[in-house]
């Protein structure tokens, strides 16, 4: 379907065709599986993962904290980072262009849920065996409960979502 480097697993749901895409010929780049994500599986220790902000091309305002940075960007736009705020992880991609395309498709599909949020890509190095992934995250949310409500609704519509704490 998309030009991803890893084949999708059976646990990665296909996008539903209930909402027509703005352009019929555009297909959703499938998230590459980092690993099987479950709500009960703890994240790897921070020392095992190297997370960096990916997008150096995004201009940053001289602000303190990600919440201030997201307030300077219009809703729906990419921000340098959502670190420090509650957020939802929507997908993970090998290549940043696929993550940007994924955001456009998901933001249009879930305009009622994601329309007032910003997005960021977090680069994570999962080691020599798995390599580097670009996590697509949306936020900020004022609380974990707000993020959980959005995630639950996205999951009920058959797409993946994981809440992320600051």
N, C-alpha and C. Protein backbone atom coordinates (compact mmCIF):
# COMPACT_ATOMS: atom_id res chain seq x y z
N UNK A 1 0.83 -1.19 0.00
CA UNK A 1 0.00 0.00 0.00
C UNK A 1 0.87 1.25 0.00
N UNK A 2 1.69 1.46 1.01
CA UNK A 2 2.58 2.62 1.04
C UNK A 2 4.00 2.13 0.82
N UNK A 3 4.89 3.07 0.67
CA UNK A 3 6.27 2.69 0.46
C UNK A 3 7.00 2.63 1.79
N UNK A 4 6.57 1.72 2.63
CA UNK A 4 7.24 1.57 3.93
C UNK A 4 8.28 0.48 3.82
N UNK A 5 9.21 0.49 4.74
CA UNK A 5 10.31 -0.45 4.69
C UNK A 5 10.00 -1.73 5.44
N UNK A 6 9.01 -1.71 6.34
CA UNK A 6 8.67 -2.90 7.09
C UNK A 6 7.25 -3.30 6.74
N UNK A 7 7.00 -4.56 6.67
CA UNK A 7 5.67 -5.05 6.35
C UNK A 7 4.76 -4.89 7.56
N UNK A 8 3.49 -4.50 7.35
CA UNK A 8 2.58 -4.33 8.48
C UNK A 8 2.26 -5.69 9.10
N UNK A 9 2.00 -5.69 10.40
CA UNK A 9 1.64 -6.91 11.08
C UNK A 9 0.13 -7.02 11.11
N UNK A 10 -0.34 -8.17 11.51
CA UNK A 10 -1.77 -8.39 11.58
C UNK A 10 -2.42 -7.50 12.63
N UNK A 11 -1.66 -7.02 13.60
CA UNK A 11 -2.22 -6.18 14.65
C UNK A 11 -2.40 -4.73 14.21
N UNK A 12 -1.82 -4.33 13.09
CA UNK A 12 -1.97 -2.97 12.61
C UNK A 12 -3.24 -2.87 11.78
N UNK A 13 -4.29 -2.17 12.28
CA UNK A 13 -5.55 -2.10 11.55
C UNK A 13 -5.42 -1.25 10.29
N UNK A 14 -6.13 -1.67 9.28
CA UNK A 14 -6.19 -0.92 8.03
C UNK A 14 -7.12 0.27 8.24
N UNK A 15 -6.87 1.41 7.62
CA UNK A 15 -7.78 2.54 7.73
C UNK A 15 -9.14 2.17 7.15
N UNK A 16 -10.20 2.59 7.81
CA UNK A 16 -11.54 2.33 7.32
C UNK A 16 -11.86 3.26 6.17
N UNK A 17 -12.71 2.79 5.28
CA UNK A 17 -13.10 3.59 4.13
C UNK A 17 -14.44 4.26 4.36
N UNK A 18 -14.83 4.47 5.64
CA UNK A 18 -16.12 5.07 5.91
C UNK A 18 -16.15 6.56 5.61
N UNK A 19 -15.02 7.23 5.75
CA UNK A 19 -14.93 8.64 5.46
C UNK A 19 -14.07 8.81 4.22
N UNK A 20 -14.63 9.35 3.12
CA UNK A 20 -13.80 9.48 1.93
C UNK A 20 -12.66 10.45 2.15
N UNK A 21 -11.50 10.09 1.64
CA UNK A 21 -10.34 10.96 1.73
C UNK A 21 -10.53 12.14 0.80
N UNK A 22 -9.89 13.29 1.12
CA UNK A 22 -10.04 14.46 0.26
C UNK A 22 -9.61 14.17 -1.17
N UNK A 23 -8.59 13.37 -1.34
CA UNK A 23 -8.14 12.99 -2.66
C UNK A 23 -8.25 11.47 -2.73
N UNK A 24 -9.03 10.95 -3.66
CA UNK A 24 -9.31 9.53 -3.72
C UNK A 24 -8.06 8.71 -4.00
N UNK A 25 -7.07 9.27 -4.68
CA UNK A 25 -5.87 8.52 -5.04
C UNK A 25 -4.81 8.50 -3.94
N UNK A 26 -5.02 9.20 -2.83
CA UNK A 26 -4.06 9.25 -1.74
C UNK A 26 -4.36 8.12 -0.78
N UNK A 27 -3.36 7.32 -0.46
CA UNK A 27 -3.56 6.24 0.50
C UNK A 27 -2.73 6.52 1.75
N UNK A 28 -3.21 6.00 2.86
CA UNK A 28 -2.58 6.21 4.16
C UNK A 28 -1.29 5.42 4.24
N UNK A 29 -0.17 6.06 4.54
CA UNK A 29 1.04 5.28 4.74
C UNK A 29 0.87 4.48 6.02
N UNK A 30 1.11 3.20 5.93
CA UNK A 30 0.87 2.35 7.08
C UNK A 30 1.98 2.52 8.11
N UNK A 31 1.60 2.63 9.38
CA UNK A 31 2.61 2.70 10.42
C UNK A 31 3.42 1.41 10.42
N UNK A 32 4.71 1.54 10.60
CA UNK A 32 5.55 0.37 10.71
C UNK A 32 5.53 -0.06 12.17
N UNK A 33 5.41 -1.35 12.41
CA UNK A 33 5.33 -1.79 13.81
C UNK A 33 6.67 -1.62 14.52
N UNK A 34 6.66 -0.85 15.60
CA UNK A 34 7.86 -0.73 16.46
C UNK A 34 8.00 -2.02 17.22
N UNK A 35 6.92 -2.39 17.81
CA UNK A 35 6.78 -3.63 18.54
C UNK A 35 5.30 -3.74 18.81
N UNK A 36 4.88 -4.83 19.34
CA UNK A 36 3.46 -4.96 19.65
C UNK A 36 3.17 -4.10 20.86
N UNK A 37 2.39 -3.05 20.66
CA UNK A 37 2.08 -2.10 21.73
C UNK A 37 0.80 -2.56 22.42
N UNK A 38 0.82 -2.62 23.72
CA UNK A 38 -0.39 -2.89 24.48
C UNK A 38 -0.44 -1.92 25.63
N UNK A 39 -1.63 -1.74 26.14
CA UNK A 39 -1.81 -0.78 27.22
C UNK A 39 -1.11 -1.24 28.50
N UNK A 40 -0.89 -2.55 28.64
CA UNK A 40 -0.30 -3.03 29.87
C UNK A 40 1.20 -3.20 29.77
N UNK A 41 1.77 -3.17 28.57
CA UNK A 41 3.21 -3.36 28.42
C UNK A 41 3.94 -2.07 28.78
N UNK A 42 4.85 -2.11 29.73
CA UNK A 42 5.57 -0.88 30.10
C UNK A 42 6.54 -0.49 28.98
N UNK A 43 6.79 0.80 28.88
CA UNK A 43 7.75 1.32 27.92
C UNK A 43 9.15 0.89 28.33
N UNK A 44 10.05 0.82 27.39
CA UNK A 44 11.43 0.47 27.68
C UNK A 44 12.04 1.53 28.58
N UNK A 45 13.01 1.18 29.38
CA UNK A 45 13.65 2.18 30.25
C UNK A 45 14.20 3.33 29.42
N UNK A 46 14.17 4.51 29.98
CA UNK A 46 14.62 5.71 29.26
C UNK A 46 16.06 5.58 28.80
N UNK A 47 16.89 4.88 29.54
CA UNK A 47 18.29 4.74 29.16
C UNK A 47 18.44 3.88 27.90
N UNK A 48 17.45 3.01 27.61
CA UNK A 48 17.55 2.12 26.46
C UNK A 48 17.12 2.82 25.17
N UNK A 49 16.37 3.89 25.27
CA UNK A 49 15.87 4.58 24.10
C UNK A 49 16.48 5.96 23.98
N UNK A 50 16.82 6.33 22.79
CA UNK A 50 17.33 7.68 22.56
C UNK A 50 16.27 8.44 21.77
N UNK A 51 15.60 9.39 22.40
CA UNK A 51 14.53 10.13 21.76
C UNK A 51 15.03 11.53 21.46
N UNK A 52 14.81 11.98 20.23
CA UNK A 52 15.23 13.31 19.82
C UNK A 52 14.09 13.99 19.08
N UNK A 53 14.09 15.28 19.04
CA UNK A 53 13.17 16.00 18.18
C UNK A 53 13.70 15.88 16.76
N UNK A 54 12.80 15.54 15.85
CA UNK A 54 13.21 15.24 14.49
C UNK A 54 13.31 16.49 13.64
N UNK A 55 12.32 17.28 13.68
CA UNK A 55 12.18 18.34 12.69
C UNK A 55 12.97 19.58 13.06
N UNK A 56 14.15 19.70 12.50
CA UNK A 56 14.97 20.88 12.75
C UNK A 56 14.56 22.03 11.84
N UNK A 57 13.78 21.70 10.79
CA UNK A 57 13.36 22.72 9.84
C UNK A 57 12.21 23.56 10.39
N UNK A 58 11.56 23.09 11.46
CA UNK A 58 10.44 23.82 12.03
C UNK A 58 10.99 24.97 12.86
N UNK A 59 10.62 26.19 12.53
CA UNK A 59 11.12 27.31 13.32
C UNK A 59 10.57 27.25 14.74
N UNK A 60 11.43 27.51 15.70
CA UNK A 60 11.00 27.50 17.09
C UNK A 60 11.02 28.91 17.65
N UNK A 61 9.96 29.21 18.39
CA UNK A 61 9.95 30.48 19.12
C UNK A 61 10.82 30.29 20.36
N UNK A 62 11.40 31.35 20.84
CA UNK A 62 12.21 31.26 22.06
C UNK A 62 11.25 31.24 23.24
N UNK A 63 10.77 30.01 23.55
CA UNK A 63 9.83 29.86 24.65
C UNK A 63 10.34 28.77 25.57
N UNK A 64 9.80 28.74 26.77
CA UNK A 64 10.17 27.73 27.75
C UNK A 64 9.04 26.73 27.82
N UNK A 65 9.35 25.45 27.61
CA UNK A 65 8.35 24.39 27.71
C UNK A 65 7.60 24.20 26.41
N UNK A 66 7.15 22.98 26.19
CA UNK A 66 6.47 22.66 24.95
C UNK A 66 5.08 23.27 24.89
N UNK A 67 4.43 23.46 26.03
CA UNK A 67 3.09 24.04 26.02
C UNK A 67 3.14 25.45 25.44
N UNK A 68 4.13 26.23 25.81
CA UNK A 68 4.27 27.58 25.26
C UNK A 68 4.56 27.52 23.77
N UNK A 69 5.37 26.55 23.35
CA UNK A 69 5.69 26.42 21.94
C UNK A 69 4.46 26.06 21.12
N UNK A 70 3.58 25.20 21.69
CA UNK A 70 2.39 24.83 20.94
C UNK A 70 1.38 25.96 20.89
N UNK A 71 1.41 26.87 21.85
CA UNK A 71 0.48 27.99 21.82
C UNK A 71 0.82 28.97 20.70
N UNK A 72 2.04 28.97 20.22
CA UNK A 72 2.41 29.89 19.15
C UNK A 72 2.08 29.32 17.77
N UNK A 73 1.77 28.04 17.67
CA UNK A 73 1.45 27.41 16.40
C UNK A 73 -0.07 27.28 16.26
N UNK A 74 -0.59 27.54 15.06
CA UNK A 74 -2.03 27.34 14.84
C UNK A 74 -2.39 25.86 14.97
N UNK A 75 -3.63 25.57 15.31
CA UNK A 75 -4.08 24.19 15.45
C UNK A 75 -3.85 23.44 14.15
N UNK A 76 -3.44 22.18 14.28
CA UNK A 76 -3.21 21.34 13.12
C UNK A 76 -1.80 21.42 12.57
N UNK A 77 -1.00 22.35 13.06
CA UNK A 77 0.35 22.54 12.56
C UNK A 77 1.36 21.71 13.35
N UNK A 78 2.49 21.45 12.72
CA UNK A 78 3.56 20.74 13.40
C UNK A 78 4.26 21.68 14.36
N UNK A 79 4.63 21.14 15.51
CA UNK A 79 5.43 21.86 16.49
C UNK A 79 6.72 21.06 16.70
N UNK A 80 7.71 21.70 17.26
CA UNK A 80 9.00 21.04 17.45
C UNK A 80 8.91 19.87 18.41
N UNK A 81 8.09 20.00 19.45
CA UNK A 81 8.02 18.95 20.45
C UNK A 81 6.75 19.08 21.26
N UNK A 82 6.23 17.96 21.71
CA UNK A 82 5.12 17.94 22.67
C UNK A 82 5.58 17.38 24.01
N UNK A 83 6.89 17.17 24.14
CA UNK A 83 7.45 16.67 25.39
C UNK A 83 7.09 17.63 26.51
N UNK A 84 6.70 17.09 27.63
CA UNK A 84 6.31 17.94 28.75
C UNK A 84 4.82 18.12 28.84
N UNK A 85 4.06 17.54 27.89
CA UNK A 85 2.60 17.65 27.94
C UNK A 85 1.99 16.27 27.70
N UNK A 86 0.75 16.10 28.15
CA UNK A 86 0.04 14.87 27.84
C UNK A 86 -0.25 14.90 26.35
N UNK A 87 -0.15 13.71 25.71
CA UNK A 87 -0.35 13.64 24.27
C UNK A 87 -0.79 12.23 23.90
N UNK A 88 -1.17 12.06 22.64
CA UNK A 88 -1.52 10.74 22.13
C UNK A 88 -0.56 10.36 21.02
N UNK A 89 -0.14 9.10 21.02
CA UNK A 89 0.72 8.58 19.95
C UNK A 89 -0.19 7.86 18.97
N UNK A 90 -0.18 8.32 17.73
CA UNK A 90 -1.10 7.81 16.74
C UNK A 90 -0.49 6.74 15.84
N UNK A 91 0.79 6.82 15.59
CA UNK A 91 1.45 5.87 14.69
C UNK A 91 2.95 6.03 14.81
N UNK A 92 3.67 5.13 14.17
CA UNK A 92 5.12 5.18 14.14
C UNK A 92 5.58 4.81 12.74
N UNK A 93 6.48 5.60 12.20
CA UNK A 93 6.91 5.43 10.81
C UNK A 93 8.42 5.37 10.72
N UNK A 94 8.91 4.72 9.70
CA UNK A 94 10.35 4.68 9.43
C UNK A 94 10.83 6.00 8.84
N UNK A 95 10.00 6.64 8.01
CA UNK A 95 10.42 7.84 7.29
C UNK A 95 9.53 9.03 7.67
N UNK A 96 10.14 10.19 7.97
CA UNK A 96 9.35 11.38 8.33
C UNK A 96 8.31 11.78 7.28
N UNK A 97 8.60 11.71 5.96
CA UNK A 97 7.55 12.09 5.00
C UNK A 97 6.28 11.24 5.14
N UNK A 98 6.43 9.98 5.48
CA UNK A 98 5.25 9.14 5.70
C UNK A 98 4.49 9.57 6.94
N UNK A 99 5.21 10.01 7.97
CA UNK A 99 4.56 10.49 9.19
C UNK A 99 3.77 11.77 8.92
N UNK A 100 4.32 12.67 8.13
CA UNK A 100 3.59 13.91 7.79
C UNK A 100 2.34 13.57 6.99
N UNK A 101 2.46 12.66 6.05
CA UNK A 101 1.30 12.25 5.25
C UNK A 101 0.26 11.58 6.16
N UNK A 102 0.75 10.75 7.09
CA UNK A 102 -0.15 10.10 8.04
C UNK A 102 -0.92 11.11 8.88
N UNK A 103 -0.24 12.19 9.32
CA UNK A 103 -0.93 13.21 10.10
C UNK A 103 -2.04 13.86 9.27
N UNK A 104 -1.75 14.21 8.03
CA UNK A 104 -2.77 14.85 7.19
C UNK A 104 -4.00 13.96 7.04
N UNK A 105 -3.76 12.69 6.82
CA UNK A 105 -4.89 11.76 6.64
C UNK A 105 -5.67 11.58 7.94
N UNK A 106 -4.95 11.36 9.05
CA UNK A 106 -5.64 11.17 10.33
C UNK A 106 -6.35 12.45 10.80
N UNK A 107 -5.72 13.59 10.58
CA UNK A 107 -6.35 14.86 10.99
C UNK A 107 -7.64 15.10 10.20
N UNK A 108 -7.66 14.71 8.92
CA UNK A 108 -8.88 14.84 8.12
C UNK A 108 -9.92 13.80 8.52
N UNK A 109 -9.47 12.60 8.83
CA UNK A 109 -10.38 11.52 9.22
C UNK A 109 -11.02 11.80 10.58
N UNK A 110 -10.25 12.36 11.49
CA UNK A 110 -10.71 12.63 12.85
C UNK A 110 -10.70 14.13 13.15
N UNK A 111 -11.24 14.91 12.25
CA UNK A 111 -11.23 16.37 12.44
C UNK A 111 -11.95 16.75 13.73
N UNK A 112 -12.96 15.98 14.12
CA UNK A 112 -13.69 16.25 15.36
C UNK A 112 -12.84 16.00 16.60
N UNK A 113 -11.84 15.14 16.51
CA UNK A 113 -11.01 14.79 17.66
C UNK A 113 -9.64 15.47 17.63
N UNK A 114 -9.06 15.61 16.45
CA UNK A 114 -7.70 16.11 16.32
C UNK A 114 -7.62 17.53 15.75
N UNK A 115 -8.73 18.09 15.34
CA UNK A 115 -8.74 19.37 14.65
C UNK A 115 -8.15 20.54 15.42
N UNK A 116 -8.21 20.50 16.75
CA UNK A 116 -7.69 21.61 17.56
C UNK A 116 -6.32 21.32 18.15
N UNK A 117 -5.68 20.25 17.68
CA UNK A 117 -4.40 19.84 18.25
C UNK A 117 -3.25 20.12 17.29
N UNK A 118 -2.06 20.10 17.82
CA UNK A 118 -0.84 20.17 17.02
C UNK A 118 -0.24 18.78 16.97
N UNK A 119 0.75 18.60 16.11
CA UNK A 119 1.43 17.32 16.07
C UNK A 119 2.94 17.52 16.07
N UNK A 120 3.63 16.47 16.49
CA UNK A 120 5.08 16.47 16.52
C UNK A 120 5.56 15.07 16.16
N UNK A 121 6.79 15.02 15.67
CA UNK A 121 7.44 13.74 15.42
C UNK A 121 8.55 13.57 16.43
N UNK A 122 8.55 12.45 17.10
CA UNK A 122 9.61 12.13 18.05
C UNK A 122 10.42 10.99 17.45
N UNK A 123 11.70 11.21 17.30
CA UNK A 123 12.58 10.17 16.75
C UNK A 123 13.05 9.30 17.90
N UNK A 124 12.96 8.00 17.70
CA UNK A 124 13.40 7.07 18.73
C UNK A 124 14.27 6.00 18.06
N UNK A 125 15.40 5.73 18.67
CA UNK A 125 16.31 4.71 18.18
C UNK A 125 16.06 3.45 19.00
N UNK A 126 15.54 2.42 18.37
CA UNK A 126 15.20 1.18 19.06
C UNK A 126 16.31 0.14 18.97
N UNK A 127 17.51 0.59 18.63
CA UNK A 127 18.65 -0.31 18.60
C UNK A 127 18.95 -0.83 17.21
N UNK A 128 20.04 -1.56 17.12
CA UNK A 128 20.53 -2.04 15.83
C UNK A 128 19.54 -2.96 15.14
N UNK A 129 18.81 -3.75 15.89
CA UNK A 129 17.89 -4.71 15.29
C UNK A 129 16.66 -4.04 14.67
N UNK A 130 16.10 -3.04 15.33
CA UNK A 130 14.87 -2.41 14.84
C UNK A 130 15.13 -1.09 14.13
N UNK A 131 16.09 -0.34 14.57
CA UNK A 131 16.43 0.91 13.90
C UNK A 131 15.68 2.12 14.44
N UNK A 132 15.62 3.16 13.62
CA UNK A 132 15.03 4.45 14.00
C UNK A 132 13.60 4.53 13.49
N UNK A 133 12.73 5.01 14.37
CA UNK A 133 11.32 5.24 14.03
C UNK A 133 10.97 6.68 14.36
N UNK A 134 9.94 7.16 13.71
CA UNK A 134 9.43 8.52 13.91
C UNK A 134 8.00 8.40 14.41
N UNK A 135 7.83 8.72 15.68
CA UNK A 135 6.52 8.57 16.32
C UNK A 135 5.67 9.82 16.07
N UNK A 136 4.46 9.60 15.58
CA UNK A 136 3.51 10.68 15.31
C UNK A 136 2.67 10.88 16.56
N UNK A 137 2.81 12.06 17.17
CA UNK A 137 2.10 12.37 18.41
C UNK A 137 1.29 13.65 18.24
N UNK A 138 0.13 13.69 18.90
CA UNK A 138 -0.75 14.87 18.83
C UNK A 138 -1.04 15.35 20.24
N UNK A 139 -1.23 16.65 20.39
CA UNK A 139 -1.50 17.24 21.70
C UNK A 139 -1.39 18.75 21.60
N UNK A 140 -1.23 19.45 22.66
CA UNK A 140 -1.17 18.98 24.04
C UNK A 140 -2.56 18.84 24.64
N UNK A 141 -2.65 18.01 25.66
CA UNK A 141 -3.88 17.84 26.44
C UNK A 141 -3.63 18.38 27.83
N UNK A 142 -4.67 18.87 28.47
CA UNK A 142 -4.54 19.42 29.81
C UNK A 142 -4.39 18.37 30.88
N UNK A 143 -4.82 17.13 30.57
CA UNK A 143 -4.74 16.06 31.57
C UNK A 143 -4.65 14.71 30.86
N UNK A 144 -4.25 13.71 31.62
CA UNK A 144 -4.21 12.36 31.11
C UNK A 144 -5.62 11.89 30.74
N UNK A 145 -6.60 12.27 31.55
CA UNK A 145 -7.99 11.87 31.29
C UNK A 145 -8.46 12.38 29.92
N UNK A 146 -8.12 13.62 29.57
CA UNK A 146 -8.51 14.16 28.25
C UNK A 146 -7.88 13.34 27.12
N UNK A 147 -6.61 13.02 27.27
CA UNK A 147 -5.93 12.23 26.25
C UNK A 147 -6.55 10.83 26.15
N UNK A 148 -6.91 10.24 27.28
CA UNK A 148 -7.51 8.91 27.28
C UNK A 148 -8.86 8.89 26.58
N UNK A 149 -9.64 9.94 26.74
CA UNK A 149 -10.95 10.02 26.08
C UNK A 149 -10.77 10.04 24.57
N UNK A 150 -9.83 10.85 24.08
CA UNK A 150 -9.57 10.94 22.64
C UNK A 150 -9.06 9.59 22.12
N UNK A 151 -8.13 8.98 22.84
CA UNK A 151 -7.59 7.68 22.43
C UNK A 151 -8.70 6.62 22.37
N UNK A 152 -9.54 6.59 23.37
CA UNK A 152 -10.62 5.61 23.39
C UNK A 152 -11.54 5.76 22.17
N UNK A 153 -11.82 7.00 21.80
CA UNK A 153 -12.69 7.23 20.65
C UNK A 153 -11.99 6.81 19.35
N UNK A 154 -10.72 7.12 19.22
CA UNK A 154 -9.96 6.71 18.02
C UNK A 154 -9.93 5.19 17.93
N UNK A 155 -9.69 4.51 19.04
CA UNK A 155 -9.67 3.05 19.06
C UNK A 155 -11.04 2.48 18.70
N UNK A 156 -12.10 3.12 19.17
CA UNK A 156 -13.45 2.64 18.86
C UNK A 156 -13.75 2.75 17.36
N UNK A 157 -13.01 3.61 16.68
CA UNK A 157 -13.17 3.77 15.23
C UNK A 157 -12.13 2.95 14.46
N UNK A 158 -11.50 2.04 15.16
CA UNK A 158 -10.61 1.02 14.57
C UNK A 158 -9.25 1.53 14.12
N UNK A 159 -8.71 2.54 14.79
CA UNK A 159 -7.32 2.97 14.54
C UNK A 159 -6.57 2.86 15.86
N UNK A 160 -5.25 2.85 15.78
CA UNK A 160 -4.43 2.70 16.96
C UNK A 160 -4.18 4.01 17.66
N UNK A 161 -4.00 3.94 18.99
CA UNK A 161 -3.73 5.13 19.78
C UNK A 161 -3.20 4.71 21.13
N UNK A 162 -2.19 5.44 21.63
CA UNK A 162 -1.63 5.20 22.96
C UNK A 162 -1.46 6.57 23.62
N UNK A 163 -1.86 6.68 24.88
CA UNK A 163 -1.64 7.93 25.60
C UNK A 163 -0.20 7.99 26.09
N UNK A 164 0.34 9.21 26.13
CA UNK A 164 1.72 9.41 26.56
C UNK A 164 1.73 10.48 27.65
N UNK A 165 2.37 10.17 28.76
CA UNK A 165 2.49 11.13 29.86
C UNK A 165 3.72 12.00 29.64
N UNK A 166 3.71 13.20 30.25
CA UNK A 166 4.89 14.09 30.12
C UNK A 166 6.14 13.47 30.69
